[in-house]
Amino acid sequence: MSEIQRVHSTDRMSRIVKHNGTVYLCGQTAGDASWDIGKQTEECLKKVKGLLEEAGSGMDRMLSVTIYIRDMKDFAAMNSVWDAWVRELPKPARACVEARMARPEILVEMTVVAAAND
């Protein structure tokens, strides 16, 4: 049975879980809810990049990304930031759904599954 590694765990969740060469990230949101959808998307992607690197993976190893967006009116603006970030990367499978967020000022949240480098 392979080991499950949990990193940055709290009583509620772990920010990173690694198992069988796969990295799972919990939902990432922007640090400042006053930002617009573009800035919140950029900050989510920066967090994803940092966590993937910490887990021994990278943006080029993303397998699947689920993007939760508060309002589909922001879909094009979010996609313009996303497209710039992934332009030179292998494209992961992706879903984007409109969702009610934990707080109304959160405009976007991302969960990621990636292959580990090891």
C-alpha atoms as a PDB file:
ATOM      1  CA  MET A   1       0.000   0.000   0.000  1.00  0.00           C
ATOM      2  CA  SER A   2       1.507   3.344  -1.015  1.00  0.00           C
ATOM      3  CA  GLU A   3       1.893   6.154   1.456  1.00  0.00           C
ATOM      4  CA  ILE A   4      -0.387   9.190   1.431  1.00  0.00           C
ATOM      5  CA  GLN A   5       1.418  12.448   2.195  1.00  0.00           C
ATOM      6  CA  ARG A   6      -0.580  15.388   3.523  1.00  0.00           C
ATOM      7  CA  VAL A   7       1.057  18.823   3.606  1.00  0.00           C
ATOM      8  CA  HIS A   8      -0.118  21.995   5.374  1.00  0.00           C
ATOM      9  CA  SER A   9      -2.930  20.158   7.133  1.00  0.00           C
ATOM     10  CA  THR A  10      -5.441  21.791   9.432  1.00  0.00           C
ATOM     11  CA  ASP A  11      -8.371  20.355  11.345  1.00  0.00           C
ATOM     12  CA  ARG A  12     -10.407  20.829   8.162  1.00  0.00           C
ATOM     13  CA  MET A  13      -8.177  19.972   5.187  1.00  0.00           C
ATOM     14  CA  SER A  14      -4.744  19.647   3.649  1.00  0.00           C
ATOM     15  CA  ARG A  15      -3.474  22.125   1.074  1.00  0.00           C
ATOM     16  CA  ILE A  16      -1.507  19.382  -0.720  1.00  0.00           C
ATOM     17  CA  VAL A  17      -2.097  15.626  -0.805  1.00  0.00           C
ATOM     18  CA  LYS A  18       0.289  13.290  -2.655  1.00  0.00           C
ATOM     19  CA  HIS A  19      -0.482   9.666  -3.465  1.00  0.00           C
ATOM     20  CA  ASN A  20       0.800   7.244  -6.099  1.00  0.00           C
ATOM     21  CA  GLY A  21       2.641   9.953  -8.032  1.00  0.00           C
ATOM     22  CA  THR A  22      -0.356  12.273  -8.119  1.00  0.00           C
ATOM     23  CA  VAL A  23      -0.638  15.687  -6.448  1.00  0.00           C
ATOM     24  CA  TYR A  24      -4.009  17.051  -5.337  1.00  0.00           C
ATOM     25  CA  LEU A  25      -4.410  20.705  -4.336  1.00  0.00           C
ATOM     26  CA  CYS A  26      -7.266  22.059  -2.284  1.00  0.00           C
ATOM     27  CA  GLY A  27      -9.247  24.987  -3.664  1.00  0.00           C
ATOM     28  CA  GLN A  28      -7.106  28.081  -4.192  1.00  0.00           C
ATOM     29  CA  THR A  29      -8.555  31.573  -3.937  1.00  0.00           C
ATOM     30  CA  ALA A  30      -6.973  35.013  -4.175  1.00  0.00           C
ATOM     31  CA  GLY A  31      -5.477  36.637  -1.110  1.00  0.00           C
ATOM     32  CA  ASP A  32      -7.415  39.885  -1.501  1.00  0.00           C
ATOM     33  CA  ALA A  33     -11.112  39.662  -2.226  1.00  0.00           C
ATOM     34  CA  SER A  34     -11.237  43.335  -3.300  1.00  0.00           C
ATOM     35  CA  TRP A  35      -9.453  42.464  -6.576  1.00  0.00           C
ATOM     36  CA  ASP A  36     -11.330  42.034  -9.852  1.00  0.00           C
ATOM     37  CA  ILE A  37     -11.686  38.655 -11.572  1.00  0.00           C
ATOM     38  CA  GLY A  38      -8.476  39.109 -13.569  1.00  0.00           C
ATOM     39  CA  LYS A  39      -6.303  39.805 -10.544  1.00  0.00           C
ATOM     40  CA  GLN A  40      -7.997  37.081  -8.488  1.00  0.00           C
ATOM     41  CA  THR A  41      -7.382  34.569 -11.299  1.00  0.00           C
ATOM     42  CA  GLU A  42      -3.726  35.609 -11.558  1.00  0.00           C
ATOM     43  CA  GLU A  43      -3.229  35.224  -7.802  1.00  0.00           C
ATOM     44  CA  CYS A  44      -4.924  31.787  -7.797  1.00  0.00           C
ATOM     45  CA  LEU A  45      -2.544  30.659 -10.536  1.00  0.00           C
ATOM     46  CA  LYS A  46       0.478  31.990  -8.621  1.00  0.00           C
ATOM     47  CA  LYS A  47      -0.630  29.994  -5.566  1.00  0.00           C
ATOM     48  CA  VAL A  48      -1.178  26.885  -7.684  1.00  0.00           C
ATOM     49  CA  LYS A  49       2.291  27.250  -9.204  1.00  0.00           C
ATOM     50  CA  GLY A  50       3.926  27.609  -5.775  1.00  0.00           C
ATOM     51  CA  LEU A  51       2.090  24.657  -4.254  1.00  0.00           C
ATOM     52  CA  LEU A  52       2.819  22.424  -7.229  1.00  0.00           C
ATOM     53  CA  GLU A  53       6.513  23.266  -7.020  1.00  0.00           C
ATOM     54  CA  GLU A  54       6.497  22.592  -3.288  1.00  0.00           C
ATOM     55  CA  ALA A  55       4.857  19.220  -3.963  1.00  0.00           C
ATOM     56  CA  GLY A  56       7.496  18.249  -6.517  1.00  0.00           C
ATOM     57  CA  SER A  57       5.429  19.003  -9.584  1.00  0.00           C
ATOM     58  CA  GLY A  58       4.814  22.007 -11.813  1.00  0.00           C
ATOM     59  CA  MET A  59       2.349  23.815 -14.029  1.00  0.00           C
ATOM     60  CA  ASP A  60       3.467  21.664 -16.971  1.00  0.00           C
ATOM     61  CA  ARG A  61       2.407  18.552 -15.016  1.00  0.00           C
ATOM     62  CA  MET A  62      -1.231  19.603 -14.423  1.00  0.00           C
ATOM     63  CA  LEU A  63      -3.646  16.829 -15.346  1.00  0.00           C
ATOM     64  CA  SER A  64      -6.957  18.425 -14.435  1.00  0.00           C
ATOM     65  CA  VAL A  65      -8.154  21.824 -13.231  1.00  0.00           C
ATOM     66  CA  THR A  66     -11.619  22.687 -12.003  1.00  0.00           C
ATOM     67  CA  ILE A  67     -12.387  26.392 -11.966  1.00  0.00           C
ATOM     68  CA  TYR A  68     -15.289  27.659  -9.903  1.00  0.00           C
ATOM     69  CA  ILE A  69     -16.452  31.112 -10.937  1.00  0.00           C
ATOM     70  CA  ARG A  70     -19.005  33.158  -9.039  1.00  0.00           C
ATOM     71  CA  ASP A  71     -20.632  34.661 -12.121  1.00  0.00           C
ATOM     72  CA  MET A  72     -20.292  33.533 -15.728  1.00  0.00           C
ATOM     73  CA  LYS A  73     -20.284  37.180 -16.803  1.00  0.00           C
ATOM     74  CA  ASP A  74     -16.612  37.062 -15.727  1.00  0.00           C
ATOM     75  CA  PHE A  75     -15.829  33.971 -17.846  1.00  0.00           C
ATOM     76  CA  ALA A  76     -14.070  35.843 -20.686  1.00  0.00           C
ATOM     77  CA  ALA A  77     -11.975  37.975 -18.320  1.00  0.00           C
ATOM     78  CA  MET A  78     -10.936  34.907 -16.324  1.00  0.00           C
ATOM     79  CA  ASN A  79     -10.102  33.034 -19.540  1.00  0.00           C
ATOM     80  CA  SER A  80      -7.863  35.841 -20.801  1.00  0.00           C
ATOM     81  CA  VAL A  81      -5.663  35.459 -17.696  1.00  0.00           C
ATOM     82  CA  TRP A  82      -5.836  31.654 -17.825  1.00  0.00           C
ATOM     83  CA  ASP A  83      -4.913  31.584 -21.527  1.00  0.00           C
ATOM     84  CA  ALA A  84      -1.851  33.783 -20.946  1.00  0.00           C
ATOM     85  CA  TRP A  85      -0.658  31.512 -18.110  1.00  0.00           C
ATOM     86  CA  VAL A  86      -1.047  28.244 -19.995  1.00  0.00           C
ATOM     87  CA  ARG A  87      -0.071  29.484 -23.474  1.00  0.00           C
ATOM     88  CA  GLU A  88       3.261  27.624 -23.509  1.00  0.00           C
ATOM     89  CA  LEU A  89       2.180  24.705 -21.295  1.00  0.00           C
ATOM     90  CA  PRO A  90       0.643  21.323 -22.079  1.00  0.00           C
ATOM     91  CA  LYS A  91      -3.067  21.878 -21.561  1.00  0.00           C
ATOM     92  CA  PRO A  92      -4.768  20.047 -18.669  1.00  0.00           C
ATOM     93  CA  ALA A  93      -8.305  18.747 -18.779  1.00  0.00           C
ATOM     94  CA  ARG A  94     -10.432  21.604 -17.508  1.00  0.00           C
ATOM     95  CA  ALA A  95     -13.935  22.294 -16.278  1.00  0.00           C
ATOM     96  CA  CYS A  96     -15.363  25.673 -15.347  1.00  0.00           C
ATOM     97  CA  VAL A  97     -18.595  25.920 -13.416  1.00  0.00           C
ATOM     98  CA  GLU A  98     -20.566  28.749 -11.913  1.00  0.00           C
ATOM     99  CA  ALA A  99     -20.787  28.284  -8.158  1.00  0.00           C
ATOM    100  CA  ARG A 100     -21.895  30.035  -5.027  1.00  0.00           C
ATOM    101  CA  MET A 101     -18.705  30.812  -3.104  1.00  0.00           C
ATOM    102  CA  ALA A 102     -17.986  30.636   0.615  1.00  0.00           C
ATOM    103  CA  ARG A 103     -17.917  34.455   0.653  1.00  0.00           C
ATOM    104  CA  PRO A 104     -19.541  36.670  -2.001  1.00  0.00           C
ATOM    105  CA  GLU A 105     -16.336  38.645  -2.662  1.00  0.00           C
ATOM    106  CA  ILE A 106     -14.534  35.496  -3.852  1.00  0.00           C
ATOM    107  CA  LEU A 107     -14.880  35.526  -7.632  1.00  0.00           C
ATOM    108  CA  VAL A 108     -12.837  32.440  -8.576  1.00  0.00           C
ATOM    109  CA  GLU A 109     -11.466  29.272  -6.992  1.00  0.00           C
ATOM    110  CA  MET A 110      -9.357  26.508  -8.543  1.00  0.00           C
ATOM    111  CA  THR A 111      -8.668  22.903  -7.642  1.00  0.00           C
ATOM    112  CA  VAL A 112      -5.840  21.055  -9.362  1.00  0.00           C
ATOM    113  CA  VAL A 113      -4.698  17.476  -9.903  1.00  0.00           C
ATOM    114  CA  ALA A 114      -1.157  17.072 -11.237  1.00  0.00           C
ATOM    115  CA  ALA A 115       1.458  14.400 -11.817  1.00  0.00           C
ATOM    116  CA  ALA A 116       4.401  14.495  -9.435  1.00  0.00           C
ATOM    117  CA  ASN A 117       7.908  14.649 -10.859  1.00  0.00           C
ATOM    118  CA  ASP A 118       9.075  11.657  -8.813  1.00  0.00           C
END
